[in-house]
Amino acid sequence: MSKLYLVPTPIGNLEDMTFRAVKVLKEVDLILAEDTRTSGKLLKHFEISTHMQSHHAHNEHKMIDRTVQRIKNGETIALISDAGTPAISDPGFLLTRACIENDVDVECLPGATAFVPALVNSGFPNDKFIFEGFLPVKKGRQTRLKLLAEETRTMIFYESPHKLIKTLGHFVDYFGEDRAVSVSRELTKLFEETLRGTATEVLAYYTNKPPKGEIVIIVGGKK
């Protein structure tokens, strides 16, 4: 039966690709990829020759109706992002919603997602948590931080290396110097690192040692 598959891909270590993900990507009619150059290396490694097409933040609005119609016409399509699970701070939500609204079957495979190992590695309570992803860059950032300062659950953020110092500084300002913070960097890769401490301590560490790679920040809730 034709459907949309959301297929997670490794966040670093290729051994985290599941057997099922490889099987699905080999069998579908088309793979929609966030960056075909990045995904091309992954497909080559697993000897997947399925045709690929770009589907990213800048063209997904134009692609949605056409993609939904292709599936309704009998094609089976898989969506992948550069790393991790589609729609988690990556393209995928809009297409998934459109498929559901048009009675098109959607199936998401289980697999790699960066925030899960970062959350578990932090040692913070993980029975209840909130996923914030990337904070607003400018508009709405201060308002969001003021609101989150009162949050009692563990919080999860994504951040780029060149903005980490700024964000940690904001955590010190809005959440307090002693708020517990855990930064996981380069998860599953050769130089994987998790640093735990107060917001002030973690800020001082990365101020002296500028970070590289993909970053997940876990922040303890207000006590």
C-alpha atoms as a PDB file:
ATOM      1  CA  MET A   1       0.000   0.000   0.000  1.00  0.00           C
ATOM      2  CA  SER A   2       1.310   3.437  -0.917  1.00  0.00           C
ATOM      3  CA  LYS A   3       2.332   5.617   2.014  1.00  0.00           C
ATOM      4  CA  LEU A   4       4.792   8.150   3.373  1.00  0.00           C
ATOM      5  CA  TYR A   5       7.617   6.703   5.455  1.00  0.00           C
ATOM      6  CA  LEU A   6       9.514   8.951   7.868  1.00  0.00           C
ATOM      7  CA  VAL A   7      12.909   7.283   8.175  1.00  0.00           C
ATOM      8  CA  PRO A   8      15.466   8.261  10.853  1.00  0.00           C
ATOM      9  CA  THR A   9      19.123   8.286   9.827  1.00  0.00           C
ATOM     10  CA  PRO A  10      22.260   8.180  12.039  1.00  0.00           C
ATOM     11  CA  ILE A  11      23.285  11.365  13.850  1.00  0.00           C
ATOM     12  CA  GLY A  12      26.924  10.416  13.402  1.00  0.00           C
ATOM     13  CA  ASN A  13      27.818   6.752  13.708  1.00  0.00           C
ATOM     14  CA  LEU A  14      26.625   4.848  10.624  1.00  0.00           C
ATOM     15  CA  GLU A  15      26.250   1.683  12.709  1.00  0.00           C
ATOM     16  CA  ASP A  16      23.134   3.259  14.221  1.00  0.00           C
ATOM     17  CA  MET A  17      21.238   2.783  10.945  1.00  0.00           C
ATOM     18  CA  THR A  18      18.580   0.112  11.446  1.00  0.00           C
ATOM     19  CA  PHE A  19      18.093  -2.933   9.191  1.00  0.00           C
ATOM     20  CA  ARG A  20      14.493  -1.851   8.670  1.00  0.00           C
ATOM     21  CA  ALA A  21      15.483   1.665   7.602  1.00  0.00           C
ATOM     22  CA  VAL A  22      17.819   0.260   4.945  1.00  0.00           C
ATOM     23  CA  LYS A  23      15.107  -2.133   3.725  1.00  0.00           C
ATOM     24  CA  VAL A  24      12.496   0.616   3.428  1.00  0.00           C
ATOM     25  CA  LEU A  25      14.852   2.997   1.608  1.00  0.00           C
ATOM     26  CA  LYS A  26      15.701   0.277  -0.891  1.00  0.00           C
ATOM     27  CA  GLU A  27      12.048  -0.569  -1.559  1.00  0.00           C
ATOM     28  CA  VAL A  28      10.350   2.845  -1.845  1.00  0.00           C
ATOM     29  CA  ASP A  29       9.798   4.578  -5.187  1.00  0.00           C
ATOM     30  CA  LEU A  30      11.401   7.856  -4.114  1.00  0.00           C
ATOM     31  CA  ILE A  31      13.470   9.286  -1.259  1.00  0.00           C
ATOM     32  CA  LEU A  32      12.972  12.917  -0.271  1.00  0.00           C
ATOM     33  CA  ALA A  33      16.207  14.169   1.315  1.00  0.00           C
ATOM     34  CA  GLU A  34      17.023  17.403   3.116  1.00  0.00           C
ATOM     35  CA  ASP A  35      20.418  17.569   1.350  1.00  0.00           C
ATOM     36  CA  THR A  36      20.944  15.049  -1.458  1.00  0.00           C
ATOM     37  CA  ARG A  37      24.737  15.421  -1.226  1.00  0.00           C
ATOM     38  CA  THR A  38      24.796  14.510   2.463  1.00  0.00           C
ATOM     39  CA  SER A  39      22.264  11.706   2.054  1.00  0.00           C
ATOM     40  CA  GLY A  40      24.024  10.475  -1.072  1.00  0.00           C
ATOM     41  CA  LYS A  41      27.002   9.381   1.034  1.00  0.00           C
ATOM     42  CA  LEU A  42      24.683   7.474   3.377  1.00  0.00           C
ATOM     43  CA  LEU A  43      22.848   5.736   0.537  1.00  0.00           C
ATOM     44  CA  LYS A  44      26.103   4.806  -1.157  1.00  0.00           C
ATOM     45  CA  HIS A  45      27.420   3.271   2.085  1.00  0.00           C
ATOM     46  CA  PHE A  46      24.356   1.025   2.379  1.00  0.00           C
ATOM     47  CA  GLU A  47      24.179   0.324  -1.383  1.00  0.00           C
ATOM     48  CA  ILE A  48      20.804   2.015  -1.788  1.00  0.00           C
ATOM     49  CA  SER A  49      20.154   3.096  -5.361  1.00  0.00           C
ATOM     50  CA  THR A  50      16.658   4.579  -4.966  1.00  0.00           C
ATOM     51  CA  HIS A  51      16.131   7.906  -6.718  1.00  0.00           C
ATOM     52  CA  MET A  52      16.456  10.989  -4.490  1.00  0.00           C
ATOM     53  CA  GLN A  53      14.893  14.428  -4.606  1.00  0.00           C
ATOM     54  CA  SER A  54      15.543  17.528  -2.476  1.00  0.00           C
ATOM     55  CA  HIS A  55      13.005  18.358   0.215  1.00  0.00           C
ATOM     56  CA  HIS A  56      14.185  21.100   2.570  1.00  0.00           C
ATOM     57  CA  ALA A  57      12.977  24.164   4.465  1.00  0.00           C
ATOM     58  CA  HIS A  58      13.169  26.387   1.381  1.00  0.00           C
ATOM     59  CA  ASN A  59      11.111  24.252  -0.999  1.00  0.00           C
ATOM     60  CA  GLU A  60       8.868  22.063   1.163  1.00  0.00           C
ATOM     61  CA  HIS A  61       5.830  24.345   0.798  1.00  0.00           C
ATOM     62  CA  LYS A  62       5.999  23.975  -2.994  1.00  0.00           C
ATOM     63  CA  MET A  63       6.596  20.214  -2.793  1.00  0.00           C
ATOM     64  CA  ILE A  64       3.766  19.209  -0.474  1.00  0.00           C
ATOM     65  CA  ASP A  65       0.751  19.058  -2.825  1.00  0.00           C
ATOM     66  CA  ARG A  66       2.742  17.304  -5.537  1.00  0.00           C
ATOM     67  CA  THR A  67       4.133  14.742  -3.100  1.00  0.00           C
ATOM     68  CA  VAL A  68       0.735  13.983  -1.560  1.00  0.00           C
ATOM     69  CA  GLN A  69      -0.711  13.475  -5.040  1.00  0.00           C
ATOM     70  CA  ARG A  70       2.101  11.109  -6.027  1.00  0.00           C
ATOM     71  CA  ILE A  71       1.398   8.934  -2.994  1.00  0.00           C
ATOM     72  CA  LYS A  72      -2.357   8.988  -3.696  1.00  0.00           C
ATOM     73  CA  ASN A  73      -1.522   7.855  -7.233  1.00  0.00           C
ATOM     74  CA  GLY A  74       0.171   4.756  -5.829  1.00  0.00           C
ATOM     75  CA  GLU A  75       3.785   5.667  -5.108  1.00  0.00           C
ATOM     76  CA  THR A  76       5.520   4.959  -1.804  1.00  0.00           C
ATOM     77  CA  ILE A  77       7.825   7.754  -0.657  1.00  0.00           C
ATOM     78  CA  ALA A  78      10.361   8.013   2.172  1.00  0.00           C
ATOM     79  CA  LEU A  79      11.444  11.244   3.826  1.00  0.00           C
ATOM     80  CA  ILE A  80      14.854  11.542   5.485  1.00  0.00           C
ATOM     81  CA  SER A  81      16.743  14.464   7.052  1.00  0.00           C
ATOM     82  CA  ASP A  82      20.498  15.004   7.152  1.00  0.00           C
ATOM     83  CA  ALA A  83      20.630  13.314  10.566  1.00  0.00           C
ATOM     84  CA  GLY A  84      18.144  11.987  13.087  1.00  0.00           C
ATOM     85  CA  THR A  85      14.373  11.746  12.812  1.00  0.00           C
ATOM     86  CA  PRO A  86      12.536  13.899  10.247  1.00  0.00           C
ATOM     87  CA  ALA A  87      10.304  16.676  11.653  1.00  0.00           C
ATOM     88  CA  ILE A  88      12.343  16.994  14.889  1.00  0.00           C
ATOM     89  CA  SER A  89      13.803  20.481  14.261  1.00  0.00           C
ATOM     90  CA  ASP A  90      13.979  19.423  10.592  1.00  0.00           C
ATOM     91  CA  PRO A  91      11.561  19.423   7.618  1.00  0.00           C
ATOM     92  CA  GLY A  92       8.787  16.847   7.839  1.00  0.00           C
ATOM     93  CA  PHE A  93       5.927  18.239   9.893  1.00  0.00           C
ATOM     94  CA  LEU A  94       4.201  20.070   7.036  1.00  0.00           C
ATOM     95  CA  LEU A  95       4.282  17.061   4.712  1.00  0.00           C
ATOM     96  CA  THR A  96       3.135  14.708   7.470  1.00  0.00           C
ATOM     97  CA  ARG A  97       0.201  16.972   8.324  1.00  0.00           C
ATOM     98  CA  ALA A  98      -0.799  17.306   4.673  1.00  0.00           C
ATOM     99  CA  CYS A  99      -0.742  13.524   4.213  1.00  0.00           C
ATOM    100  CA  ILE A 100      -2.940  12.991   7.270  1.00  0.00           C
ATOM    101  CA  GLU A 101      -5.384  15.665   6.107  1.00  0.00           C
ATOM    102  CA  ASN A 102      -5.613  13.893   2.730  1.00  0.00           C
ATOM    103  CA  ASP A 103      -6.091  10.395   4.209  1.00  0.00           C
ATOM    104  CA  VAL A 104      -2.625   9.297   3.087  1.00  0.00           C
ATOM    105  CA  ASP A 105      -1.030   6.646   5.290  1.00  0.00           C
ATOM    106  CA  VAL A 106       2.011   7.804   7.277  1.00  0.00           C
ATOM    107  CA  GLU A 107       4.472   5.577   9.128  1.00  0.00           C
ATOM    108  CA  CYS A 108       7.428   6.782  11.200  1.00  0.00           C
ATOM    109  CA  LEU A 109      10.196   4.267  11.855  1.00  0.00           C
ATOM    110  CA  PRO A 110      11.955   4.301  15.235  1.00  0.00           C
ATOM    111  CA  GLY A 111      15.578   5.370  15.175  1.00  0.00           C
ATOM    112  CA  ALA A 112      18.211   7.955  16.001  1.00  0.00           C
ATOM    113  CA  THR A 113      17.224  11.249  17.649  1.00  0.00           C
ATOM    114  CA  ALA A 114      19.948  13.396  19.206  1.00  0.00           C
ATOM    115  CA  PHE A 115      18.060  14.617  22.262  1.00  0.00           C
ATOM    116  CA  VAL A 116      17.335  11.163  23.716  1.00  0.00           C
ATOM    117  CA  PRO A 117      20.950  10.121  24.507  1.00  0.00           C
ATOM    118  CA  ALA A 118      21.730  13.688  25.602  1.00  0.00           C
ATOM    119  CA  LEU A 119      18.796  13.660  28.031  1.00  0.00           C
ATOM    120  CA  VAL A 120      19.682  10.257  29.477  1.00  0.00           C
ATOM    121  CA  ASN A 121      23.405  11.137  29.721  1.00  0.00           C
ATOM    122  CA  SER A 122      22.653  14.335  31.629  1.00  0.00           C
ATOM    123  CA  GLY A 123      21.562  12.503  34.755  1.00  0.00           C
ATOM    124  CA  PHE A 124      18.683  14.984  35.151  1.00  0.00           C
ATOM    125  CA  PRO A 125      15.108  13.807  35.830  1.00  0.00           C
ATOM    126  CA  ASN A 126      13.677  12.441  32.591  1.00  0.00           C
ATOM    127  CA  ASP A 127      10.267  11.236  33.700  1.00  0.00           C
ATOM    128  CA  LYS A 128       8.934  14.626  32.612  1.00  0.00           C
ATOM    129  CA  PHE A 129      10.688  16.981  30.205  1.00  0.00           C
ATOM    130  CA  ILE A 130      10.021  19.570  27.503  1.00  0.00           C
ATOM    131  CA  PHE A 131      11.677  19.824  24.103  1.00  0.00           C
ATOM    132  CA  GLU A 132      12.367  23.418  23.054  1.00  0.00           C
ATOM    133  CA  GLY A 133      14.636  22.781  20.069  1.00  0.00           C
ATOM    134  CA  PHE A 134      16.254  26.002  18.833  1.00  0.00           C
ATOM    135  CA  LEU A 135      15.407  29.170  20.747  1.00  0.00           C
ATOM    136  CA  PRO A 136      14.199  32.172  18.721  1.00  0.00           C
ATOM    137  CA  VAL A 137      17.215  33.999  17.351  1.00  0.00           C
ATOM    138  CA  LYS A 138      15.965  37.536  18.080  1.00  0.00           C
ATOM    139  CA  LYS A 139      12.226  38.204  18.177  1.00  0.00           C
ATOM    140  CA  GLY A 140      10.583  36.455  21.090  1.00  0.00           C
ATOM    141  CA  ARG A 141      13.825  35.125  22.594  1.00  0.00           C
ATOM    142  CA  GLN A 142      13.690  37.234  25.781  1.00  0.00           C
ATOM    143  CA  THR A 143      10.011  36.463  26.303  1.00  0.00           C
ATOM    144  CA  ARG A 144      10.646  32.742  25.881  1.00  0.00           C
ATOM    145  CA  LEU A 145      13.572  32.718  28.307  1.00  0.00           C
ATOM    146  CA  LYS A 146      11.552  34.586  30.955  1.00  0.00           C
ATOM    147  CA  LEU A 147       8.797  32.002  30.635  1.00  0.00           C
ATOM    148  CA  LEU A 148      11.195  29.047  30.772  1.00  0.00           C
ATOM    149  CA  ALA A 149      12.909  30.447  33.880  1.00  0.00           C
ATOM    150  CA  GLU A 150       9.879  29.215  35.857  1.00  0.00           C
ATOM    151  CA  GLU A 151       9.750  25.777  34.163  1.00  0.00           C
ATOM    152  CA  THR A 152      10.146  22.929  36.692  1.00  0.00           C
ATOM    153  CA  ARG A 153      10.639  20.139  34.141  1.00  0.00           C
ATOM    154  CA  THR A 154      13.951  19.262  32.492  1.00  0.00           C
ATOM    155  CA  MET A 155      14.418  21.318  29.316  1.00  0.00           C
ATOM    156  CA  ILE A 156      16.032  20.288  26.027  1.00  0.00           C
ATOM    157  CA  PHE A 157      17.582  22.722  23.551  1.00  0.00           C
ATOM    158  CA  TYR A 158      19.461  22.422  20.257  1.00  0.00           C
ATOM    159  CA  GLU A 159      22.184  24.955  19.509  1.00  0.00           C
ATOM    160  CA  SER A 160      24.869  25.644  16.908  1.00  0.00           C
ATOM    161  CA  PRO A 161      28.532  25.860  18.033  1.00  0.00           C
ATOM    162  CA  HIS A 162      28.938  29.565  17.261  1.00  0.00           C
ATOM    163  CA  LYS A 163      25.855  30.501  19.322  1.00  0.00           C
ATOM    164  CA  LEU A 164      26.500  28.254  22.330  1.00  0.00           C
ATOM    165  CA  ILE A 165      28.368  30.892  24.396  1.00  0.00           C
ATOM    166  CA  LYS A 166      25.584  33.436  23.849  1.00  0.00           C
ATOM    167  CA  THR A 167      22.900  30.941  24.823  1.00  0.00           C
ATOM    168  CA  LEU A 168      24.744  29.763  27.943  1.00  0.00           C
ATOM    169  CA  GLY A 169      25.179  33.410  28.924  1.00  0.00           C
ATOM    170  CA  HIS A 170      21.427  33.899  28.612  1.00  0.00           C
ATOM    171  CA  PHE A 171      20.853  30.825  30.784  1.00  0.00           C
ATOM    172  CA  VAL A 172      23.058  32.399  33.486  1.00  0.00           C
ATOM    173  CA  ASP A 173      21.127  35.678  33.201  1.00  0.00           C
ATOM    174  CA  TYR A 174      17.618  34.236  33.138  1.00  0.00           C
ATOM    175  CA  PHE A 175      17.877  30.886  34.951  1.00  0.00           C
ATOM    176  CA  GLY A 176      20.603  31.782  37.465  1.00  0.00           C
ATOM    177  CA  GLU A 177      24.319  31.068  37.865  1.00  0.00           C
ATOM    178  CA  ASP A 178      23.771  27.776  39.697  1.00  0.00           C
ATOM    179  CA  ARG A 179      21.205  26.214  37.357  1.00  0.00           C
ATOM    180  CA  ALA A 180      22.264  22.681  36.417  1.00  0.00           C
ATOM    181  CA  VAL A 181      23.310  22.337  32.752  1.00  0.00           C
ATOM    182  CA  SER A 182      24.567  19.431  30.640  1.00  0.00           C
ATOM    183  CA  VAL A 183      26.006  19.964  27.154  1.00  0.00           C
ATOM    184  CA  SER A 184      26.376  16.971  24.841  1.00  0.00           C
ATOM    185  CA  ARG A 185      28.472  17.470  21.721  1.00  0.00           C
ATOM    186  CA  GLU A 186      29.238  15.265  18.709  1.00  0.00           C
ATOM    187  CA  LEU A 187      26.990  12.454  19.973  1.00  0.00           C
ATOM    188  CA  THR A 188      27.896   8.967  18.621  1.00  0.00           C
ATOM    189  CA  LYS A 189      30.999  10.404  16.900  1.00  0.00           C
ATOM    190  CA  LEU A 190      34.702   9.974  17.642  1.00  0.00           C
ATOM    191  CA  PHE A 191      35.008  13.080  19.835  1.00  0.00           C
ATOM    192  CA  GLU A 192      31.711  12.712  21.716  1.00  0.00           C
ATOM    193  CA  GLU A 193      31.658  14.798  24.880  1.00  0.00           C
ATOM    194  CA  THR A 194      29.173  15.516  27.680  1.00  0.00           C
ATOM    195  CA  LEU A 195      29.992  18.314  30.111  1.00  0.00           C
ATOM    196  CA  ARG A 196      27.904  18.757  33.264  1.00  0.00           C
ATOM    197  CA  GLY A 197      27.958  21.580  35.803  1.00  0.00           C
ATOM    198  CA  THR A 198      26.328  24.856  36.741  1.00  0.00           C
ATOM    199  CA  ALA A 199      25.439  27.316  33.994  1.00  0.00           C
ATOM    200  CA  THR A 200      28.407  29.447  35.074  1.00  0.00           C
ATOM    201  CA  GLU A 201      30.867  26.542  35.063  1.00  0.00           C
ATOM    202  CA  VAL A 202      29.790  25.273  31.649  1.00  0.00           C
ATOM    203  CA  LEU A 203      29.898  28.803  30.209  1.00  0.00           C
ATOM    204  CA  ALA A 204      33.446  29.287  31.534  1.00  0.00           C
ATOM    205  CA  TYR A 205      34.590  25.971  30.050  1.00  0.00           C
ATOM    206  CA  TYR A 206      33.322  26.684  26.543  1.00  0.00           C
ATOM    207  CA  THR A 207      34.468  30.309  26.674  1.00  0.00           C
ATOM    208  CA  ASN A 208      38.015  28.983  27.054  1.00  0.00           C
ATOM    209  CA  LYS A 209      37.483  26.068  24.681  1.00  0.00           C
ATOM    210  CA  PRO A 210      35.249  27.081  21.742  1.00  0.00           C
ATOM    211  CA  PRO A 211      33.022  24.131  20.799  1.00  0.00           C
ATOM    212  CA  LYS A 212      32.649  22.338  17.490  1.00  0.00           C
ATOM    213  CA  GLY A 213      30.010  19.965  16.158  1.00  0.00           C
ATOM    214  CA  GLU A 214      26.319  19.372  16.805  1.00  0.00           C
ATOM    215  CA  ILE A 215      25.162  20.377  20.284  1.00  0.00           C
ATOM    216  CA  VAL A 216      22.298  19.434  22.616  1.00  0.00           C
ATOM    217  CA  ILE A 217      21.835  21.368  25.872  1.00  0.00           C
ATOM    218  CA  ILE A 218      19.909  19.888  28.784  1.00  0.00           C
ATOM    219  CA  VAL A 219      18.855  22.279  31.543  1.00  0.00           C
ATOM    220  CA  GLY A 220      17.509  21.234  34.918  1.00  0.00           C
ATOM    221  CA  GLY A 221      14.106  22.612  35.861  1.00  0.00           C
ATOM    222  CA  LYS A 222      13.572  25.247  38.539  1.00  0.00           C
ATOM    223  CA  LYS A 223      13.566  23.722  42.016  1.00  0.00           C
END
